[in-house]
Structure formats: C-alpha cells, structure tokens
C-alpha atoms as a PDB file:
ATOM      1  CA  TYR A   1     -29.083  15.250  26.734  1.00  0.00           C
ATOM      2  CA  ALA A   2     -26.486  14.465  24.126  1.00  0.00           C
ATOM      3  CA  GLN A   3     -24.965  16.733  21.558  1.00  0.00           C
ATOM      4  CA  ARG A   4     -22.927  15.588  18.586  1.00  0.00           C
ATOM      5  CA  THR A   5     -20.107  17.846  17.432  1.00  0.00           C
ATOM      6  CA  PRO A   6     -19.955  18.264  13.655  1.00  0.00           C
ATOM      7  CA  LYS A   7     -16.964  16.596  11.950  1.00  0.00           C
ATOM      8  CA  LYS A   8     -15.877  19.840  10.318  1.00  0.00           C
ATOM      9  CA  MET A   9     -15.732  21.527  13.711  1.00  0.00           C
ATOM     10  CA  ILE A  10     -13.630  18.673  15.154  1.00  0.00           C
ATOM     11  CA  LYS A  11     -11.127  18.934  12.259  1.00  0.00           C
ATOM     12  CA  LEU A  12     -10.987  22.718  12.562  1.00  0.00           C
ATOM     13  CA  ALA A  13     -10.211  22.439  16.268  1.00  0.00           C
ATOM     14  CA  LEU A  14      -7.383  19.968  15.581  1.00  0.00           C
ATOM     15  CA  ARG A  15      -5.947  22.195  12.829  1.00  0.00           C
ATOM     16  CA  SER A  16      -6.107  25.220  15.120  1.00  0.00           C
ATOM     17  CA  ALA A  17      -4.381  23.395  17.971  1.00  0.00           C
ATOM     18  CA  LEU A  18      -1.604  22.111  15.690  1.00  0.00           C
ATOM     19  CA  SER A  19      -1.167  25.576  14.175  1.00  0.00           C
ATOM     20  CA  ASP A  20      -0.890  27.077  17.641  1.00  0.00           C
ATOM     21  CA  ARG A  21       1.886  24.647  18.604  1.00  0.00           C
ATOM     22  CA  ALA A  22       3.718  25.282  15.327  1.00  0.00           C
ATOM     23  CA  ARG A  23       3.437  29.071  15.698  1.00  0.00           C
ATOM     24  CA  GLY A  24       4.766  28.860  19.237  1.00  0.00           C
ATOM     25  CA  GLU A  25       7.661  26.676  18.026  1.00  0.00           C
ATOM     26  CA  ARG A  26       6.493  23.851  20.276  1.00  0.00           C
ATOM     27  CA  LEU A  27       6.546  21.208  17.549  1.00  0.00           C
ATOM     28  CA  ARG A  28       9.505  19.022  16.575  1.00  0.00           C
ATOM     29  CA  VAL A  29       9.805  16.645  13.624  1.00  0.00           C
ATOM     30  CA  ILE A  30      12.259  13.741  13.779  1.00  0.00           C
ATOM     31  CA  ASP A  31      13.250  11.648  10.754  1.00  0.00           C
ATOM     32  CA  THR A  32      12.624   8.417  12.620  1.00  0.00           C
ATOM     33  CA  PHE A  33      12.818   7.057  16.126  1.00  0.00           C
ATOM     34  CA  SER A  34      15.970   4.950  15.909  1.00  0.00           C
ATOM     35  CA  PHE A  35      15.873   2.686  18.941  1.00  0.00           C
ATOM     36  CA  ASP A  36      17.399  -0.753  18.390  1.00  0.00           C
ATOM     37  CA  THR A  37      16.467  -1.867  21.894  1.00  0.00           C
ATOM     38  CA  PRO A  38      14.198  -0.218  24.459  1.00  0.00           C
ATOM     39  CA  SER A  39      16.121   2.327  26.514  1.00  0.00           C
ATOM     40  CA  THR A  40      14.382   4.811  28.767  1.00  0.00           C
ATOM     41  CA  LYS A  41      17.721   6.492  29.422  1.00  0.00           C
ATOM     42  CA  ARG A  42      18.204   7.171  25.688  1.00  0.00           C
ATOM     43  CA  ALA A  43      14.618   8.425  25.422  1.00  0.00           C
ATOM     44  CA  GLN A  44      15.184  10.845  28.267  1.00  0.00           C
ATOM     45  CA  GLY A  45      18.462  11.905  26.656  1.00  0.00           C
ATOM     46  CA  LEU A  46      16.618  12.655  23.407  1.00  0.00           C
ATOM     47  CA  CYS A  47      14.165  14.879  25.292  1.00  0.00           C
ATOM     48  CA  SER A  48      17.063  16.701  26.967  1.00  0.00           C
ATOM     49  CA  LYS A  49      18.922  17.078  23.659  1.00  0.00           C
ATOM     50  CA  LEU A  50      15.848  18.696  22.073  1.00  0.00           C
ATOM     51  CA  ASN A  51      15.483  21.023  25.121  1.00  0.00           C
ATOM     52  CA  LEU A  52      11.974  19.776  25.898  1.00  0.00           C
ATOM     53  CA  ASP A  53      10.437  20.502  29.278  1.00  0.00           C
ATOM     54  CA  GLY A  54       6.917  19.956  30.534  1.00  0.00           C
ATOM     55  CA  ARG A  55       4.422  17.546  29.023  1.00  0.00           C
ATOM     56  CA  ILE A  56       5.413  15.902  25.765  1.00  0.00           C
ATOM     57  CA  LEU A  57       3.132  14.250  23.218  1.00  0.00           C
ATOM     58  CA  ILE A  58       4.866  11.793  20.921  1.00  0.00           C
ATOM     59  CA  VAL A  59       2.936  10.945  17.766  1.00  0.00           C
ATOM     60  CA  ILE A  60       4.002   7.707  16.108  1.00  0.00           C
ATOM     61  CA  ALA A  61       3.028   6.424  12.686  1.00  0.00           C
ATOM     62  CA  ASP A  62       2.667   2.737  13.424  1.00  0.00           C
ATOM     63  CA  TRP A  63       2.666   1.022  16.810  1.00  0.00           C
ATOM     64  CA  GLU A  64       4.450  -2.113  15.540  1.00  0.00           C
ATOM     65  CA  GLN A  65       7.008  -0.201  13.478  1.00  0.00           C
ATOM     66  CA  ASP A  66       7.933   2.117  16.378  1.00  0.00           C
ATOM     67  CA  GLU A  67       7.603  -0.485  19.134  1.00  0.00           C
ATOM     68  CA  GLN A  68      11.125   0.105  20.476  1.00  0.00           C
ATOM     69  CA  ALA A  69      10.437   3.843  20.776  1.00  0.00           C
ATOM     70  CA  VAL A  70       7.133   3.173  22.527  1.00  0.00           C
ATOM     71  CA  LEU A  71       8.837   0.875  25.016  1.00  0.00           C
ATOM     72  CA  SER A  72      11.555   3.481  25.566  1.00  0.00           C
ATOM     73  CA  PHE A  73       9.269   6.466  26.204  1.00  0.00           C
ATOM     74  CA  ARG A  74       6.441   4.771  28.109  1.00  0.00           C
ATOM     75  CA  ASN A  75       8.183   4.902  31.504  1.00  0.00           C
ATOM     76  CA  LEU A  76       8.727   8.644  31.414  1.00  0.00           C
ATOM     77  CA  PRO A  77       6.008  10.316  33.525  1.00  0.00           C
ATOM     78  CA  PHE A  78       5.813  13.495  31.417  1.00  0.00           C
ATOM     79  CA  VAL A  79       5.447  11.716  28.052  1.00  0.00           C
ATOM     80  CA  HIS A  80       2.246  10.567  26.361  1.00  0.00           C
ATOM     81  CA  ILE A  81       2.449   8.380  23.238  1.00  0.00           C
ATOM     82  CA  ILE A  82      -0.336   8.248  20.676  1.00  0.00           C
ATOM     83  CA  PRO A  83      -0.679   6.746  17.181  1.00  0.00           C
ATOM     84  CA  SER A  84      -1.168   9.328  14.433  1.00  0.00           C
ATOM     85  CA  ASP A  85      -4.608   7.989  13.503  1.00  0.00           C
ATOM     86  CA  GLN A  86      -5.814   8.715  17.060  1.00  0.00           C
ATOM     87  CA  LEU A  87      -4.466  12.270  17.288  1.00  0.00           C
ATOM     88  CA  ASN A  88      -7.012  14.570  18.905  1.00  0.00           C
ATOM     89  CA  THR A  89      -7.357  18.170  20.000  1.00  0.00           C
ATOM     90  CA  TYR A  90      -7.457  17.411  23.718  1.00  0.00           C
ATOM     91  CA  ASP A  91      -4.072  15.663  23.723  1.00  0.00           C
ATOM     92  CA  VAL A  92      -2.487  18.407  21.602  1.00  0.00           C
ATOM     93  CA  LEU A  93      -3.712  21.202  23.875  1.00  0.00           C
ATOM     94  CA  ARG A  94      -2.829  19.285  27.024  1.00  0.00           C
ATOM     95  CA  SER A  95       0.808  18.875  25.949  1.00  0.00           C
ATOM     96  CA  ASP A  96       3.501  21.527  25.986  1.00  0.00           C
ATOM     97  CA  TRP A  97       5.526  19.900  23.198  1.00  0.00           C
ATOM     98  CA  LEU A  98       4.695  17.728  20.177  1.00  0.00           C
ATOM     99  CA  ILE A  99       7.166  15.311  18.615  1.00  0.00           C
ATOM    100  CA  PHE A 100       6.310  13.779  15.246  1.00  0.00           C
ATOM    101  CA  SER A 101       8.206  11.362  13.065  1.00  0.00           C
ATOM    102  CA  LYS A 102       8.050  12.295   9.381  1.00  0.00           C
ATOM    103  CA  ALA A 103       5.696   9.394   8.659  1.00  0.00           C
ATOM    104  CA  SER A 104       3.339  10.306  11.508  1.00  0.00           C
ATOM    105  CA  LEU A 105       3.300  13.964  10.444  1.00  0.00           C
ATOM    106  CA  GLU A 106       2.147  13.005   6.949  1.00  0.00           C
ATOM    107  CA  THR A 107      -0.617  10.790   8.343  1.00  0.00           C
ATOM    108  CA  SER A 108      -1.727  13.464  10.835  1.00  0.00           C
ATOM    109  CA  ALA A 109      -1.720  16.173   8.182  1.00  0.00           C
ATOM    110  CA  LYS A 110      -3.990  14.064   5.977  1.00  0.00           C
ATOM    111  CA  LYS A 111      -6.356  13.563   8.916  1.00  0.00           C
ATOM    112  CA  ALA A 112      -6.474  17.258   9.805  1.00  0.00           C
ATOM    113  CA  VAL A 113      -6.970  18.435   6.207  1.00  0.00           C
ATOM    114  CA  ALA A 114      -9.374  15.802   4.870  1.00  0.00           C
ATOM    115  CA  ALA A 115     -12.934  17.045   4.699  1.00  0.00           C
END
C-alpha cells in the first residue's frame, strides 16, 4: 500500500515544528556565515559562542554562496547542514537547535507559508 500525504498537511507540520523551536528559544538567526576559508575550529567556536549543545541543524540559503561555511561545519559530528529549499519536518524535529542565515530564513518562511 502507498499513501500520499496532502501538501497542506506537510506545510502545516513544518510550520508547527518551526514554531515549536522558536517558542522554545531553540532557533538562532545569523546575519551571514562569514568564513573566508574553511575552518572547523572556527565553526566549533561559533557553536560554543552561541551556547549550542546537542544536535544542530544549519540551514543555508545557497550551497555555492555558503560553501566555506559548509566545509567548516561538515566535520562536526553533531551538525547537519541542509539547503533552505530542502528544509523538512523530520530534520527540524530531529535537531535540538536550528541556525538560519537571514537569507535562508526568508526562503524557508516562503516555503512554509506558501499554499
């Protein structure tokens, strides 16, 4: 058997998950990821500076634009990186913390609100 989930239900689930993280103050918005060169040490320092513990989901706007940030965070075992156009409820609920850049937050908000 196969069952297709309605699109409205999928968007409602994503909105609910994002609202839950925002209500619990488990969501951070950064102006931009400013990595000139890949540096896992700087990425880990950023997580420590923001007092993040547990699983972290980093939502980026554009893979090519934020390539240095992707290369910096990818070696951290507790971090998952996802483009904003692929944001889904499972990844949001699985993570303890969400980090958005301003550009990725705008793209994700459009995806969650669009009917």
